[in-house]
Amino acid sequence: MRGLVALLVLVGLLGGGIVLLMRDDGGQPAARVSVAEALAGDADARYARAIAPRIFNFPDDHGPHPEFRTEWWYYTGNVETAEGRHFGYQLTFFRAALAPDSPEGPGAGTPARPSAWASRHIYMAHFAVTDTVGQRFHPHSRLARGAAGLAGAEATPFRVWVEDWVAEGQAAGAFPMRLRASEGDVAIDLALESSRPPALQGEHGLSRKGPEPGNASYYYSLTRMPTSGQVRVGERRFEVRGLSWMDREWSTSALGDARGWDWFALQLDDGRDVMYYRLRQADGSTTRFSAGSVVTPDGRVRPLGVEDVTLEVLDSWTSPRGEVCYPARWRLTIPGERLRVEIAPRIADQEHAEPFPYWEGAVIVRPVTGVRGSPESGPPMGGVGYVELVGYAAPIAGRLPAPP
């Protein structure tokens, strides 16, 4: 496709959004599409859309949904050695359609492709390790077309991969899941077990992000997966245990009028898991479609609306690379759950600077002091988690390599 005015590079697809770069015939950027524009634009009728709640079927729904324009598999986790040395990790896979599998629309069948290298889908993966003791963040990314075995996704047995970065099921039911990735000074080889059923987010798995029909995704989470395996940093290998979280979404046009988001996934010491995303408008205000959930130790899901959650920013951090300013510490209050906690990054700099800036990192959850006896605060509560911050930087510029 080189030399055409066409979509050639997927430069990011993060926890619900994509940034696309168009090239002109000279190989220079011809147009940019922001996170918001990509997911809030007019929907192509040839793709399926998330309109109404659906019946989920596991383990099949761990696999791909090529009738939708975009989807992602998002793994994050906090693990540590027996001596207490902490690591955070992120391994995320994204699929974006360059063209529908069928020009006629969903369900019409997939036409034959003339070459083994031809693909209607492109995949990106992000891999990062947070070394808390070493105060180092190691981010990496890869891009590949879904052809010739370079990248892809399969339902049975479950597998999603970009080159040798892979998440795959080890049995018919997809569990345990094994995650493997290696790049430069860091690597992971982790086994993730299942301890809770999938938590369907939103309205029985339909997560609305805007007012128009189809401004939504199908969204479920595996919120508490006991994890064991190895993390390598430099020449040292560490045996680790901890907890992982998987977010899984697919959609065609999902974001509505939002211009960014703050996403929180917290695993509390009392066994509850909390997910909350704050969708931000251009003026920084919170949209009414911000939402989340609390998953109880027995697997029940209690939805959260924007009115149920108070999120206060307590500090900020400015990147030394592009001078992007991110919020850096928060107080989260959910009165209906008698929960008030502070959330702080394990290390300040957990920014992915390439191919465009966003912040995704390991956090620690601490009890708020000095408010015991407050009707909206239960027992002091700690925990671990991950936070993602998207949309604080301007759209990227500059040249990018074409996919392999």
Foldseek 3Di string as FASTA:
>chain_A
DQQPQAFFDWFDQPPHFTKTFTAHNVQFTDDIAARQRQQADDFDQQADFQFDADDDDPPQVLWDDLSAFKKKKWKKWWKAFPVGFIKIKIKMKMKGFRDRLDPVHPPPDGDDDPDQQDARMKMKIKIWMQRLVVLDIGIDMAIAGPGPPQFHFDRQQGWGDHHPFIWTAPDRRRPQIWTWDDDDFKIWTKTWGADAPKAQADPNQWQAQADDRRLTKRKIKRQWTWMWGWMGGHNDIGTIITTMMIIIITGHRHHYQFQWKKWKWWQKPQGKIKIWIFTAHPVGDGDQSTWIWIAHNHGDIGIGTPVQKDKAQDAWDADPPPRQIDRAKIWIFGQVVQDTWIKGFSHRDQWDPPPHTKHKGKIKIWFDPDQPPPSSHDPTMITIIMMITPRSDDDDGDGDDGHD
